[in-house]
Amino acid sequence: MTMPDDMMLRCSTILFRGQCVLLVHRTAQGLDDWVLPGGTPRMGESMAACARREMREETGLAVEPTRVAFVLEAVDPDSRQRTVDLVFAADGSAHGQSPVARESGMTPEFVPFARLRALDLKPPLAGHLPGFYHHGARRYAPYLGNLWRPNDTTSRIRRATTFFRRTPRPAPELD
């Protein structure tokens, strides 16, 4: 039997301003690389809500993820670590606001496309970001959101569980 990979879900956002893309320069804990603003969803949080929250936490900018730009995965064959990143595109440019470093060791910056190849960009998206900027409006996947709906069995189980939690149980009789 094959052991499952250790998988991490990440939700990121692409925000363009002219011929620049918003990236976060990570310098904490010995790092020196650049990433799209993003992170891991919290329990019960939708992927779009995660991307929106992470953008606000890391850059101070409030944006609305409107569509899926692309999905990528990074698989480390040695450690069996798999990261799946759902990358959203955000409309607008955050109304001309400047990004602000809100977390230690994470500095947001609008980076010109011409500089991307010189950066240690994780994952290596230097060619994909300008390509999406120039052609992405014609090629994207809509984000359908959370489509989970309880089925009849799930609803019955949930009602029964709630019933048993709320129903007081009689004390056992002693002989």
N, C-alpha and C. Protein backbone atom coordinates (compact mmCIF):
# COMPACT_ATOMS: atom_id res chain seq x y z
N MET A 1 0.84 -1.18 0.00
CA MET A 1 0.00 0.00 0.00
C MET A 1 0.89 1.25 0.00
N THR A 2 0.55 2.21 -0.82
CA THR A 2 1.31 3.45 -0.90
C THR A 2 0.84 4.41 0.19
N MET A 3 1.79 5.03 0.86
CA MET A 3 1.44 6.00 1.89
C MET A 3 1.02 7.30 1.21
N PRO A 4 0.01 7.98 1.73
CA PRO A 4 -0.42 9.23 1.11
C PRO A 4 0.64 10.32 1.29
N ASP A 5 0.68 11.22 0.32
CA ASP A 5 1.59 12.36 0.42
C ASP A 5 1.10 13.30 1.50
N ASP A 6 2.02 14.07 2.05
CA ASP A 6 1.69 15.13 2.97
C ASP A 6 1.28 16.32 2.11
N MET A 7 0.00 16.68 2.09
CA MET A 7 -0.47 17.72 1.19
C MET A 7 -0.84 18.98 1.94
N MET A 8 -0.44 20.12 1.39
CA MET A 8 -0.79 21.41 1.95
C MET A 8 -1.54 22.19 0.88
N LEU A 9 -2.66 22.78 1.26
CA LEU A 9 -3.43 23.63 0.36
C LEU A 9 -3.05 25.07 0.65
N ARG A 10 -2.79 25.82 -0.41
CA ARG A 10 -2.44 27.23 -0.28
C ARG A 10 -3.35 28.02 -1.21
N CYS A 11 -3.76 29.20 -0.80
CA CYS A 11 -4.59 30.08 -1.61
C CYS A 11 -3.87 31.40 -1.76
N SER A 12 -3.64 31.81 -3.00
CA SER A 12 -2.87 33.02 -3.29
C SER A 12 -3.68 33.95 -4.17
N THR A 13 -3.20 35.18 -4.28
CA THR A 13 -3.87 36.17 -5.13
C THR A 13 -2.85 36.90 -5.98
N ILE A 14 -3.20 37.07 -7.26
CA ILE A 14 -2.41 37.90 -8.17
C ILE A 14 -3.08 39.26 -8.24
N LEU A 15 -2.30 40.30 -7.98
CA LEU A 15 -2.79 41.67 -8.12
C LEU A 15 -1.78 42.44 -8.97
N PHE A 16 -2.26 42.95 -10.10
CA PHE A 16 -1.40 43.71 -11.00
C PHE A 16 -1.65 45.20 -10.81
N ARG A 17 -0.61 45.96 -11.03
CA ARG A 17 -0.70 47.41 -11.11
C ARG A 17 0.19 47.81 -12.28
N GLY A 18 -0.44 48.11 -13.40
CA GLY A 18 0.33 48.35 -14.62
C GLY A 18 1.08 47.09 -14.99
N GLN A 19 2.35 47.22 -15.32
CA GLN A 19 3.19 46.08 -15.69
C GLN A 19 3.97 45.56 -14.48
N CYS A 20 3.33 45.61 -13.32
CA CYS A 20 3.93 45.12 -12.07
C CYS A 20 2.96 44.15 -11.40
N VAL A 21 3.51 43.24 -10.61
CA VAL A 21 2.70 42.29 -9.85
C VAL A 21 3.08 42.40 -8.38
N LEU A 22 2.10 42.27 -7.51
CA LEU A 22 2.36 42.35 -6.08
C LEU A 22 2.93 41.04 -5.58
N LEU A 23 4.12 41.12 -4.98
CA LEU A 23 4.78 39.96 -4.38
C LEU A 23 5.16 40.30 -2.95
N VAL A 24 5.45 39.27 -2.17
CA VAL A 24 5.91 39.45 -0.79
C VAL A 24 7.33 38.91 -0.70
N HIS A 25 8.25 39.76 -0.24
CA HIS A 25 9.64 39.37 -0.03
C HIS A 25 9.75 38.81 1.38
N ARG A 26 10.07 37.51 1.47
CA ARG A 26 10.19 36.84 2.77
C ARG A 26 11.66 36.82 3.20
N THR A 27 11.92 37.39 4.38
CA THR A 27 13.29 37.42 4.90
C THR A 27 13.38 36.85 6.31
N ALA A 28 12.28 36.40 6.87
CA ALA A 28 12.29 35.84 8.23
C ALA A 28 12.88 34.43 8.22
N GLN A 29 13.44 34.03 9.32
CA GLN A 29 13.94 32.67 9.55
C GLN A 29 14.91 32.21 8.46
N GLY A 30 15.79 33.11 8.04
CA GLY A 30 16.83 32.76 7.07
C GLY A 30 16.36 32.69 5.63
N LEU A 31 15.12 33.01 5.35
CA LEU A 31 14.63 32.99 3.97
C LEU A 31 15.06 34.25 3.24
N ASP A 32 15.11 34.18 1.95
CA ASP A 32 15.32 35.34 1.09
C ASP A 32 14.69 35.00 -0.26
N ASP A 33 13.35 34.95 -0.27
CA ASP A 33 12.66 34.61 -1.50
C ASP A 33 11.41 35.47 -1.64
N TRP A 34 10.70 35.29 -2.74
CA TRP A 34 9.51 36.07 -3.06
C TRP A 34 8.36 35.13 -3.35
N VAL A 35 7.16 35.50 -2.89
CA VAL A 35 5.97 34.68 -3.10
C VAL A 35 4.78 35.60 -3.41
N LEU A 36 3.75 35.00 -3.98
CA LEU A 36 2.48 35.70 -4.09
C LEU A 36 1.87 35.80 -2.70
N PRO A 37 1.15 36.86 -2.39
CA PRO A 37 0.47 36.92 -1.10
C PRO A 37 -0.51 35.75 -0.99
N GLY A 38 -0.45 35.03 0.11
CA GLY A 38 -1.35 33.89 0.27
C GLY A 38 -0.99 33.07 1.48
N GLY A 39 -1.76 32.01 1.69
CA GLY A 39 -1.52 31.14 2.83
C GLY A 39 -2.51 30.00 2.86
N THR A 40 -2.63 29.39 4.02
CA THR A 40 -3.43 28.19 4.21
C THR A 40 -4.80 28.54 4.79
N PRO A 41 -5.86 27.93 4.26
CA PRO A 41 -7.20 28.22 4.79
C PRO A 41 -7.37 27.71 6.21
N ARG A 42 -8.11 28.46 6.99
CA ARG A 42 -8.49 28.03 8.33
C ARG A 42 -9.67 27.07 8.23
N MET A 43 -9.91 26.33 9.30
CA MET A 43 -11.03 25.39 9.33
C MET A 43 -12.33 26.14 9.03
N GLY A 44 -13.07 25.67 8.05
CA GLY A 44 -14.36 26.26 7.70
C GLY A 44 -14.27 27.47 6.80
N GLU A 45 -13.07 27.91 6.45
CA GLU A 45 -12.89 29.10 5.62
C GLU A 45 -12.85 28.70 4.14
N SER A 46 -13.54 29.41 3.30
CA SER A 46 -13.50 29.12 1.87
C SER A 46 -12.14 29.53 1.31
N MET A 47 -11.83 29.02 0.14
CA MET A 47 -10.54 29.35 -0.46
C MET A 47 -10.46 30.82 -0.85
N ALA A 48 -11.55 31.38 -1.37
CA ALA A 48 -11.55 32.80 -1.72
C ALA A 48 -11.41 33.66 -0.46
N ALA A 49 -12.09 33.27 0.61
CA ALA A 49 -11.98 34.02 1.87
C ALA A 49 -10.56 33.95 2.41
N CYS A 50 -9.91 32.81 2.26
CA CYS A 50 -8.51 32.67 2.69
C CYS A 50 -7.62 33.62 1.89
N ALA A 51 -7.78 33.63 0.57
CA ALA A 51 -6.96 34.50 -0.28
C ALA A 51 -7.18 35.96 0.09
N ARG A 52 -8.42 36.34 0.33
CA ARG A 52 -8.76 37.71 0.71
C ARG A 52 -8.11 38.07 2.06
N ARG A 53 -8.23 37.17 3.05
CA ARG A 53 -7.67 37.41 4.39
C ARG A 53 -6.15 37.51 4.34
N GLU A 54 -5.52 36.58 3.64
CA GLU A 54 -4.06 36.58 3.57
C GLU A 54 -3.53 37.84 2.88
N MET A 55 -4.23 38.29 1.83
CA MET A 55 -3.81 39.53 1.16
C MET A 55 -3.87 40.69 2.15
N ARG A 56 -4.92 40.76 2.93
CA ARG A 56 -5.07 41.84 3.91
C ARG A 56 -4.00 41.74 4.99
N GLU A 57 -3.75 40.52 5.50
CA GLU A 57 -2.76 40.33 6.56
C GLU A 57 -1.34 40.65 6.10
N GLU A 58 -1.00 40.25 4.88
CA GLU A 58 0.39 40.38 4.41
C GLU A 58 0.68 41.71 3.74
N THR A 59 -0.35 42.41 3.23
CA THR A 59 -0.10 43.63 2.46
C THR A 59 -0.91 44.82 2.92
N GLY A 60 -1.94 44.59 3.74
CA GLY A 60 -2.82 45.67 4.15
C GLY A 60 -3.84 46.05 3.10
N LEU A 61 -3.85 45.38 1.95
CA LEU A 61 -4.76 45.73 0.86
C LEU A 61 -6.01 44.86 0.90
N ALA A 62 -7.14 45.48 0.65
CA ALA A 62 -8.42 44.76 0.58
C ALA A 62 -8.76 44.58 -0.90
N VAL A 63 -8.78 43.33 -1.33
CA VAL A 63 -9.13 43.02 -2.72
C VAL A 63 -10.18 41.92 -2.73
N GLU A 64 -10.80 41.74 -3.88
CA GLU A 64 -11.80 40.70 -4.04
C GLU A 64 -11.31 39.69 -5.08
N PRO A 65 -10.99 38.46 -4.65
CA PRO A 65 -10.63 37.42 -5.62
C PRO A 65 -11.86 37.11 -6.48
N THR A 66 -11.72 37.27 -7.80
CA THR A 66 -12.89 37.15 -8.68
C THR A 66 -12.89 35.90 -9.54
N ARG A 67 -11.73 35.36 -9.82
CA ARG A 67 -11.66 34.18 -10.68
C ARG A 67 -10.37 33.44 -10.40
N VAL A 68 -10.32 32.20 -10.85
CA VAL A 68 -9.11 31.39 -10.68
C VAL A 68 -8.17 31.69 -11.85
N ALA A 69 -6.98 32.15 -11.53
CA ALA A 69 -5.98 32.40 -12.57
C ALA A 69 -5.37 31.08 -13.02
N PHE A 70 -4.93 30.29 -12.05
CA PHE A 70 -4.41 28.96 -12.33
C PHE A 70 -4.27 28.18 -11.04
N VAL A 71 -4.09 26.89 -11.21
CA VAL A 71 -3.85 25.98 -10.09
C VAL A 71 -2.49 25.38 -10.34
N LEU A 72 -1.67 25.33 -9.31
CA LEU A 72 -0.35 24.74 -9.48
C LEU A 72 -0.07 23.79 -8.33
N GLU A 73 0.85 22.90 -8.55
CA GLU A 73 1.31 22.04 -7.46
C GLU A 73 2.82 22.00 -7.48
N ALA A 74 3.37 21.87 -6.32
CA ALA A 74 4.81 21.71 -6.15
C ALA A 74 5.00 20.44 -5.33
N VAL A 75 5.67 19.47 -5.91
CA VAL A 75 5.84 18.17 -5.27
C VAL A 75 7.33 17.94 -5.02
N ASP A 76 7.69 17.74 -3.77
CA ASP A 76 9.06 17.40 -3.42
C ASP A 76 9.15 15.88 -3.33
N PRO A 77 9.78 15.24 -4.31
CA PRO A 77 9.81 13.77 -4.32
C PRO A 77 10.60 13.17 -3.16
N ASP A 78 11.53 13.93 -2.60
CA ASP A 78 12.33 13.40 -1.50
C ASP A 78 11.56 13.37 -0.18
N SER A 79 10.78 14.41 0.07
CA SER A 79 10.07 14.47 1.35
C SER A 79 8.60 14.07 1.23
N ARG A 80 8.15 13.82 0.02
CA ARG A 80 6.75 13.48 -0.26
C ARG A 80 5.81 14.61 0.13
N GLN A 81 6.34 15.82 0.17
CA GLN A 81 5.53 17.01 0.46
C GLN A 81 4.91 17.52 -0.84
N ARG A 82 3.62 17.74 -0.82
CA ARG A 82 2.91 18.25 -1.99
C ARG A 82 2.18 19.52 -1.56
N THR A 83 2.40 20.61 -2.31
CA THR A 83 1.67 21.85 -2.08
C THR A 83 0.81 22.10 -3.30
N VAL A 84 -0.47 22.32 -3.09
CA VAL A 84 -1.39 22.68 -4.15
C VAL A 84 -1.81 24.12 -3.88
N ASP A 85 -1.62 24.98 -4.87
CA ASP A 85 -1.91 26.40 -4.71
C ASP A 85 -3.00 26.80 -5.69
N LEU A 86 -4.11 27.29 -5.16
CA LEU A 86 -5.19 27.83 -5.96
C LEU A 86 -4.92 29.33 -6.04
N VAL A 87 -4.55 29.80 -7.23
CA VAL A 87 -4.14 31.18 -7.41
C VAL A 87 -5.30 31.97 -8.03
N PHE A 88 -5.79 32.93 -7.28
CA PHE A 88 -6.90 33.78 -7.72
C PHE A 88 -6.36 35.04 -8.39
N ALA A 89 -7.16 35.60 -9.28
CA ALA A 89 -6.90 36.93 -9.82
C ALA A 89 -7.85 37.88 -9.09
N ALA A 90 -7.36 39.05 -8.77
CA ALA A 90 -8.19 40.06 -8.11
C ALA A 90 -8.42 41.21 -9.07
N ASP A 91 -9.63 41.69 -9.11
CA ASP A 91 -9.94 42.83 -9.96
C ASP A 91 -9.48 44.11 -9.29
N GLY A 92 -9.12 45.06 -10.12
CA GLY A 92 -8.73 46.36 -9.61
C GLY A 92 -7.31 46.36 -9.09
N SER A 93 -6.88 47.51 -8.65
CA SER A 93 -5.52 47.65 -8.15
C SER A 93 -5.53 48.15 -6.71
N ALA A 94 -6.53 47.75 -5.95
CA ALA A 94 -6.67 48.17 -4.55
C ALA A 94 -6.77 49.68 -4.45
N HIS A 95 -7.41 50.28 -5.47
CA HIS A 95 -7.74 51.70 -5.48
C HIS A 95 -6.52 52.59 -5.24
N GLY A 96 -5.38 52.23 -5.81
CA GLY A 96 -4.19 53.06 -5.73
C GLY A 96 -3.49 53.03 -4.39
N GLN A 97 -3.95 52.22 -3.45
CA GLN A 97 -3.29 52.14 -2.14
C GLN A 97 -1.93 51.48 -2.28
N SER A 98 -1.03 51.84 -1.40
CA SER A 98 0.28 51.20 -1.36
C SER A 98 0.25 50.05 -0.38
N PRO A 99 0.93 48.94 -0.72
CA PRO A 99 1.00 47.83 0.23
C PRO A 99 1.85 48.22 1.44
N VAL A 100 1.52 47.63 2.58
CA VAL A 100 2.22 47.92 3.83
C VAL A 100 2.66 46.61 4.46
N ALA A 101 3.91 46.57 4.92
CA ALA A 101 4.40 45.38 5.63
C ALA A 101 3.70 45.31 6.97
N ARG A 102 2.95 44.22 7.18
CA ARG A 102 2.21 44.06 8.43
C ARG A 102 2.71 42.89 9.25
N GLU A 103 3.59 42.08 8.66
CA GLU A 103 4.16 40.93 9.36
C GLU A 103 5.67 41.04 9.30
N SER A 104 6.33 40.73 10.39
CA SER A 104 7.78 40.79 10.46
C SER A 104 8.40 39.85 9.43
N GLY A 105 9.39 40.35 8.69
CA GLY A 105 10.10 39.53 7.72
C GLY A 105 9.33 39.29 6.43
N MET A 106 8.24 40.04 6.21
CA MET A 106 7.46 39.90 4.99
C MET A 106 7.15 41.30 4.46
N THR A 107 7.81 41.65 3.35
CA THR A 107 7.66 42.99 2.79
C THR A 107 6.98 42.92 1.43
N PRO A 108 5.77 43.48 1.31
CA PRO A 108 5.09 43.46 0.02
C PRO A 108 5.61 44.57 -0.90
N GLU A 109 5.63 44.26 -2.19
CA GLU A 109 6.14 45.24 -3.16
C GLU A 109 5.56 44.92 -4.54
N PHE A 110 5.16 45.97 -5.27
CA PHE A 110 4.80 45.79 -6.67
C PHE A 110 6.10 45.70 -7.46
N VAL A 111 6.31 44.55 -8.09
CA VAL A 111 7.57 44.26 -8.78
C VAL A 111 7.34 44.33 -10.29
N PRO A 112 8.16 45.10 -11.02
CA PRO A 112 8.03 45.15 -12.48
C PRO A 112 8.31 43.78 -13.10
N PHE A 113 7.58 43.46 -14.17
CA PHE A 113 7.77 42.18 -14.86
C PHE A 113 9.23 41.97 -15.24
N ALA A 114 9.94 43.03 -15.62
CA ALA A 114 11.34 42.92 -16.05
C ALA A 114 12.25 42.39 -14.94
N ARG A 115 11.88 42.55 -13.68
CA ARG A 115 12.71 42.08 -12.55
C ARG A 115 12.41 40.65 -12.12
N LEU A 116 11.30 40.07 -12.57
CA LEU A 116 10.85 38.79 -12.04
C LEU A 116 11.88 37.67 -12.18
N ARG A 117 12.53 37.57 -13.32
CA ARG A 117 13.47 36.46 -13.55
C ARG A 117 14.71 36.55 -12.66
N ALA A 118 15.01 37.72 -12.13
CA ALA A 118 16.18 37.89 -11.25
C ALA A 118 15.86 37.53 -9.80
N LEU A 119 14.59 37.33 -9.48
CA LEU A 119 14.19 37.04 -8.10
C LEU A 119 14.15 35.54 -7.85
N ASP A 120 14.31 35.16 -6.59
CA ASP A 120 14.09 33.77 -6.18
C ASP A 120 12.60 33.65 -5.88
N LEU A 121 11.82 33.45 -6.94
CA LEU A 121 10.37 33.42 -6.86
C LEU A 121 9.90 32.00 -6.60
N LYS A 122 9.13 31.81 -5.52
CA LYS A 122 8.65 30.48 -5.13
C LYS A 122 7.14 30.42 -5.28
N PRO A 123 6.62 29.49 -6.04
CA PRO A 123 7.28 28.68 -7.05
C PRO A 123 7.71 29.56 -8.23
N PRO A 124 8.49 29.01 -9.16
CA PRO A 124 9.05 29.81 -10.26
C PRO A 124 7.98 30.21 -11.29
N LEU A 125 7.35 31.35 -11.06
CA LEU A 125 6.25 31.81 -11.90
C LEU A 125 6.61 33.00 -12.79
N ALA A 126 7.90 33.30 -12.91
CA ALA A 126 8.33 34.52 -13.61
C ALA A 126 7.75 34.65 -15.01
N GLY A 127 7.65 33.57 -15.77
CA GLY A 127 7.09 33.64 -17.11
C GLY A 127 5.57 33.60 -17.13
N HIS A 128 4.99 32.98 -16.13
CA HIS A 128 3.53 32.81 -16.11
C HIS A 128 2.79 34.08 -15.72
N LEU A 129 3.35 34.89 -14.85
CA LEU A 129 2.65 36.08 -14.37
C LEU A 129 2.44 37.11 -15.48
N PRO A 130 3.49 37.49 -16.24
CA PRO A 130 3.23 38.41 -17.36
C PRO A 130 2.31 37.79 -18.41
N GLY A 131 2.43 36.48 -18.62
CA GLY A 131 1.56 35.81 -19.57
C GLY A 131 0.10 35.90 -19.16
N PHE A 132 -0.17 35.72 -17.88
CA PHE A 132 -1.55 35.85 -17.41
C PHE A 132 -2.01 37.29 -17.54
N TYR A 133 -1.14 38.24 -17.26
CA TYR A 133 -1.49 39.66 -17.38
C TYR A 133 -1.92 39.99 -18.81
N HIS A 134 -1.16 39.49 -19.78
CA HIS A 134 -1.43 39.82 -21.18
C HIS A 134 -2.56 39.00 -21.78
N HIS A 135 -2.75 37.77 -21.33
CA HIS A 135 -3.72 36.88 -21.97
C HIS A 135 -4.77 36.31 -21.02
N GLY A 136 -4.64 36.56 -19.74
CA GLY A 136 -5.50 35.92 -18.75
C GLY A 136 -6.96 36.28 -18.83
N ALA A 137 -7.28 37.47 -19.32
CA ALA A 137 -8.69 37.86 -19.39
C ALA A 137 -9.46 36.94 -20.33
N ARG A 138 -8.77 36.32 -21.25
CA ARG A 138 -9.43 35.42 -22.19
C ARG A 138 -9.39 33.98 -21.72
N ARG A 139 -8.49 33.66 -20.78
CA ARG A 139 -8.34 32.27 -20.32
C ARG A 139 -8.35 32.23 -18.80
N TYR A 140 -9.45 31.85 -18.26
CA TYR A 140 -9.49 31.67 -16.81
C TYR A 140 -10.62 30.71 -16.47
N ALA A 141 -10.55 30.20 -15.27
CA ALA A 141 -11.59 29.30 -14.77
C ALA A 141 -12.41 30.05 -13.73
N PRO A 142 -13.72 29.97 -13.80
CA PRO A 142 -14.52 30.63 -12.77
C PRO A 142 -14.37 29.90 -11.44
N TYR A 143 -14.44 30.64 -10.36
CA TYR A 143 -14.42 30.05 -9.02
C TYR A 143 -15.86 29.84 -8.60
N LEU A 144 -16.24 28.61 -8.37
CA LEU A 144 -17.62 28.29 -8.03
C LEU A 144 -17.90 28.36 -6.54
N GLY A 145 -16.88 28.49 -5.72
CA GLY A 145 -17.08 28.60 -4.28
C GLY A 145 -17.34 27.26 -3.63
N ASN A 146 -17.86 27.30 -2.43
CA ASN A 146 -18.14 26.09 -1.66
C ASN A 146 -19.47 25.51 -2.14
N LEU A 147 -19.42 24.38 -2.80
CA LEU A 147 -20.63 23.75 -3.33
C LEU A 147 -21.14 22.62 -2.45
N TRP A 148 -20.59 22.46 -1.25
CA TRP A 148 -21.04 21.38 -0.37
C TRP A 148 -22.48 21.64 0.05
N ARG A 149 -23.29 20.61 -0.06
CA ARG A 149 -24.66 20.64 0.42
C ARG A 149 -24.90 19.33 1.15
N PRO A 150 -25.59 19.39 2.28
CA PRO A 150 -25.84 18.14 3.00
C PRO A 150 -26.79 17.26 2.20
N ASN A 151 -26.50 15.96 2.18
CA ASN A 151 -27.45 15.05 1.56
C ASN A 151 -28.40 14.56 2.64
N ASP A 152 -29.37 13.76 2.29
CA ASP A 152 -30.37 13.30 3.26
C ASP A 152 -29.74 12.56 4.43
N THR A 153 -28.75 11.70 4.14
CA THR A 153 -28.10 10.94 5.20
C THR A 153 -27.36 11.86 6.15
N THR A 154 -26.63 12.82 5.60
CA THR A 154 -25.89 13.77 6.43
C THR A 154 -26.84 14.56 7.32
N SER A 155 -27.97 14.99 6.75
CA SER A 155 -28.94 15.76 7.53
C SER A 155 -29.51 14.93 8.67
N ARG A 156 -29.85 13.65 8.40
CA ARG A 156 -30.40 12.79 9.45
C ARG A 156 -29.38 12.56 10.56
N ILE A 157 -28.13 12.32 10.18
CA ILE A 157 -27.08 12.10 11.19
C ILE A 157 -26.90 13.36 12.02
N ARG A 158 -26.87 14.50 11.38
CA ARG A 158 -26.68 15.75 12.10
C ARG A 158 -27.84 16.00 13.07
N ARG A 159 -29.08 15.75 12.63
CA ARG A 159 -30.24 15.94 13.51
C ARG A 159 -30.18 14.97 14.69
N ALA A 160 -29.82 13.72 14.42
CA ALA A 160 -29.75 12.72 15.50
C ALA A 160 -28.67 13.09 16.50
N THR A 161 -27.52 13.52 16.01
CA THR A 161 -26.42 13.91 16.88
C THR A 161 -26.84 15.08 17.76
N THR A 162 -27.50 16.05 17.16
CA THR A 162 -27.98 17.20 17.92
C THR A 162 -29.00 16.77 18.96
N PHE A 163 -29.91 15.86 18.58
CA PHE A 163 -30.93 15.37 19.50
C PHE A 163 -30.29 14.71 20.72
N PHE A 164 -29.31 13.83 20.47
CA PHE A 164 -28.70 13.10 21.58
C PHE A 164 -27.87 14.01 22.47
N ARG A 165 -27.28 15.05 21.93
CA ARG A 165 -26.52 15.97 22.75
C ARG A 165 -27.43 16.80 23.64
N ARG A 166 -28.62 17.06 23.19
CA ARG A 166 -29.51 17.95 23.94
C ARG A 166 -30.50 17.20 24.83
N THR A 167 -30.64 15.91 24.64
CA THR A 167 -31.61 15.14 25.41
C THR A 167 -30.96 14.67 26.71
N PRO A 168 -31.51 15.11 27.85
CA PRO A 168 -30.92 14.65 29.12
C PRO A 168 -31.17 13.15 29.29
N ARG A 169 -30.22 12.49 29.83
CA ARG A 169 -30.35 11.05 30.06
C ARG A 169 -30.75 10.81 31.51
N PRO A 170 -31.68 9.86 31.72
CA PRO A 170 -32.08 9.57 33.10
C PRO A 170 -30.93 8.92 33.87
N ALA A 171 -30.91 9.17 35.14
CA ALA A 171 -29.88 8.57 36.00
C ALA A 171 -30.12 7.07 36.08
N PRO A 172 -29.07 6.27 36.10
CA PRO A 172 -29.26 4.82 36.20
C PRO A 172 -29.84 4.46 37.56
N GLU A 173 -30.69 3.43 37.56
CA GLU A 173 -31.29 2.98 38.81
C GLU A 173 -30.30 2.09 39.55
N LEU A 174 -30.24 2.27 40.84
CA LEU A 174 -29.33 1.46 41.66
C LEU A 174 -30.13 0.39 42.39
N ASP A 175 -29.60 -0.80 42.49
CA ASP A 175 -30.28 -1.90 43.20
C ASP A 175 -30.04 -1.82 44.67
